[in-house]
C-alpha atoms as a PDB file:
ATOM      1  CA  PHE A   1      58.702  55.034 101.969  1.00  0.00           C
ATOM      2  CA  TYR A   2      58.155  53.908  98.568  1.00  0.00           C
ATOM      3  CA  ALA A   3      54.922  55.544  98.533  1.00  0.00           C
ATOM      4  CA  GLY A   4      55.736  58.841  99.275  1.00  0.00           C
ATOM      5  CA  ILE A   5      59.184  58.531  97.186  1.00  0.00           C
ATOM      6  CA  SER A   6      57.163  57.103  94.225  1.00  0.00           C
ATOM      7  CA  LYS A   7      54.771  60.019  94.746  1.00  0.00           C
ATOM      8  CA  LYS A   8      56.493  63.286  95.723  1.00  0.00           C
ATOM      9  CA  GLY A   9      59.883  62.223  93.920  1.00  0.00           C
ATOM     10  CA  LEU A  10      63.136  63.322  96.394  1.00  0.00           C
ATOM     11  CA  GLY A  11      61.066  65.966  97.950  1.00  0.00           C
ATOM     12  CA  TYR A  12      59.591  63.341  99.906  1.00  0.00           C
ATOM     13  CA  PHE A  13      62.633  63.631 102.233  1.00  0.00           C
ATOM     14  CA  LYS A  14      61.922  67.427 102.952  1.00  0.00           C
ATOM     15  CA  ARG A  15      59.113  66.103 105.492  1.00  0.00           C
ATOM     16  CA  TYR A  16      62.177  65.520 107.826  1.00  0.00           C
ATOM     17  CA  VAL A  17      63.214  68.866 108.216  1.00  0.00           C
ATOM     18  CA  SER A  18      60.170  70.698 107.603  1.00  0.00           C
ATOM     19  CA  PRO A  19      59.435  71.935 111.253  1.00  0.00           C
ATOM     20  CA  ALA A  20      62.930  72.303 112.215  1.00  0.00           C
ATOM     21  CA  ALA A  21      66.309  70.870 111.192  1.00  0.00           C
ATOM     22  CA  PHE A  22      67.713  69.833 114.494  1.00  0.00           C
ATOM     23  CA  LEU A  23      64.027  67.443 114.703  1.00  0.00           C
ATOM     24  CA  LEU A  24      65.896  64.992 111.666  1.00  0.00           C
ATOM     25  CA  PRO A  25      66.800  62.763 114.091  1.00  0.00           C
ATOM     26  CA  ILE A  26      63.338  62.257 115.610  1.00  0.00           C
ATOM     27  CA  ASN A  27      61.912  62.171 112.341  1.00  0.00           C
ATOM     28  CA  VAL A  28      63.729  59.317 110.811  1.00  0.00           C
ATOM     29  CA  LEU A  29      63.433  57.493 114.141  1.00  0.00           C
ATOM     30  CA  GLU A  30      59.848  57.673 113.919  1.00  0.00           C
ATOM     31  CA  ASP A  31      59.610  55.954 110.780  1.00  0.00           C
ATOM     32  CA  PHE A  32      61.180  53.035 111.917  1.00  0.00           C
ATOM     33  CA  THR A  33      59.274  52.774 115.210  1.00  0.00           C
ATOM     34  CA  LYS A  34      56.198  52.769 113.457  1.00  0.00           C
ATOM     35  CA  PRO A  35      56.412  49.032 111.726  1.00  0.00           C
ATOM     36  CA  LEU A  36      58.273  47.746 114.244  1.00  0.00           C
ATOM     37  CA  SER A  37      55.698  48.747 116.756  1.00  0.00           C
ATOM     38  CA  LEU A  38      52.984  47.029 114.763  1.00  0.00           C
ATOM     39  CA  SER A  39      55.323  43.901 114.435  1.00  0.00           C
ATOM     40  CA  PHE A  40      55.612  43.913 118.374  1.00  0.00           C
ATOM     41  CA  ARG A  41      52.218  43.795 118.619  1.00  0.00           C
ATOM     42  CA  LEU A  42      51.253  41.253 116.542  1.00  0.00           C
ATOM     43  CA  PHE A  43      53.673  39.017 117.668  1.00  0.00           C
ATOM     44  CA  GLY A  44      52.432  39.806 121.285  1.00  0.00           C
ATOM     45  CA  ASN A  45      48.839  39.123 120.613  1.00  0.00           C
ATOM     46  CA  ILE A  46      49.969  35.936 118.222  1.00  0.00           C
ATOM     47  CA  LEU A  47      52.194  34.589 121.395  1.00  0.00           C
ATOM     48  CA  ALA A  48      49.670  35.137 123.829  1.00  0.00           C
ATOM     49  CA  ASP A  49      46.881  33.383 122.240  1.00  0.00           C
ATOM     50  CA  GLU A  50      49.430  29.994 121.537  1.00  0.00           C
ATOM     51  CA  LEU A  51      50.484  30.397 125.375  1.00  0.00           C
ATOM     52  CA  VAL A  52      46.744  30.107 126.738  1.00  0.00           C
ATOM     53  CA  VAL A  53      45.847  27.334 124.159  1.00  0.00           C
ATOM     54  CA  GLY A  54      49.126  25.714 125.231  1.00  0.00           C
ATOM     55  CA  VAL A  55      48.064  25.540 128.613  1.00  0.00           C
ATOM     56  CA  LEU A  56      44.709  24.909 128.616  1.00  0.00           C
ATOM     57  CA  ILE A  57      45.654  21.753 126.287  1.00  0.00           C
ATOM     58  CA  THR A  58      47.868  20.910 129.008  1.00  0.00           C
ATOM     59  CA  LEU A  59      45.337  21.123 131.959  1.00  0.00           C
ATOM     60  CA  VAL A  60      42.117  20.041 130.263  1.00  0.00           C
ATOM     61  CA  PRO A  61      42.511  18.594 126.789  1.00  0.00           C
ATOM     62  CA  LEU A  62      39.291  17.562 125.746  1.00  0.00           C
ATOM     63  CA  VAL A  63      36.439  20.437 125.197  1.00  0.00           C
ATOM     64  CA  VAL A  64      37.974  23.678 126.811  1.00  0.00           C
ATOM     65  CA  PRO A  65      40.396  24.456 124.392  1.00  0.00           C
ATOM     66  CA  ILE A  66      37.744  24.539 121.608  1.00  0.00           C
ATOM     67  CA  PRO A  67      36.604  27.872 122.365  1.00  0.00           C
ATOM     68  CA  ILE A  68      39.152  29.468 123.196  1.00  0.00           C
ATOM     69  CA  MET A  69      40.400  28.472 120.069  1.00  0.00           C
ATOM     70  CA  LEU A  70      37.769  29.972 118.611  1.00  0.00           C
ATOM     71  CA  LEU A  71      38.579  33.180 120.686  1.00  0.00           C
ATOM     72  CA  GLY A  72      42.114  33.302 119.160  1.00  0.00           C
ATOM     73  CA  LEU A  73      40.512  33.329 115.381  1.00  0.00           C
ATOM     74  CA  PHE A  74      37.965  36.118 116.307  1.00  0.00           C
ATOM     75  CA  THR A  75      41.176  37.978 117.981  1.00  0.00           C
ATOM     76  CA  SER A  76      43.309  37.420 114.756  1.00  0.00           C
ATOM     77  CA  ALA A  77      40.686  38.897 112.677  1.00  0.00           C
ATOM     78  CA  ILE A  78      40.799  42.003 114.597  1.00  0.00           C
ATOM     79  CA  GLN A  79      44.155  41.905 114.963  1.00  0.00           C
ATOM     80  CA  ALA A  80      44.760  41.970 111.134  1.00  0.00           C
ATOM     81  CA  LEU A  81      42.106  44.588 110.743  1.00  0.00           C
ATOM     82  CA  VAL A  82      44.171  46.769 113.063  1.00  0.00           C
ATOM     83  CA  PHE A  83      47.098  45.950 111.192  1.00  0.00           C
ATOM     84  CA  ALA A  84      45.973  47.162 107.875  1.00  0.00           C
ATOM     85  CA  THR A  85      44.313  50.170 109.247  1.00  0.00           C
ATOM     86  CA  LEU A  86      47.234  51.373 110.942  1.00  0.00           C
ATOM     87  CA  ALA A  87      49.650  50.558 108.131  1.00  0.00           C
ATOM     88  CA  GLY A  88      46.896  52.122 105.544  1.00  0.00           C
ATOM     89  CA  ALA A  89      47.210  55.302 108.025  1.00  0.00           C
ATOM     90  CA  TYR A  90      50.751  55.682 107.888  1.00  0.00           C
ATOM     91  CA  ILE A  91      51.044  55.631 104.241  1.00  0.00           C
ATOM     92  CA  GLY A  92      48.398  57.788 103.657  1.00  0.00           C
ATOM     93  CA  GLU A  93      50.478  60.194 106.043  1.00  0.00           C
ATOM     94  CA  SER A  94      53.253  59.900 104.008  1.00  0.00           C
ATOM     95  CA  VAL A  95      51.884  60.399 101.002  1.00  0.00           C
ATOM     96  CA  GLU A  96      49.835  63.307 101.989  1.00  0.00           C
ATOM     97  CA  ASP A  97      51.016  67.118 101.338  1.00  0.00           C
ATOM     98  CA  HIS A  98      51.829  69.131 104.352  1.00  0.00           C
ATOM     99  CA  HIS A  99      50.639  72.115 104.572  1.00  0.00           C
END
């Protein structure tokens, strides 16, 4: 909201009713579900990594969890990249002018 309002002022809210006024609830819901879906995706990936490492430490405590921890570090970097890219795309979408 902040980027769109700071660039367009109160004209930012015209995008909610631009195709048709009856789509207002869907457009508002879309703005709230985008960050929510990103947070669920990030939470799921972090939880899965921690569960896999926890199970492997329980089953094979010495050497096997180390490569899995390194893989978790790599996937965390990938997730950070995806999160930043999608957040940038969402901010760019709120700032751009619709023609």
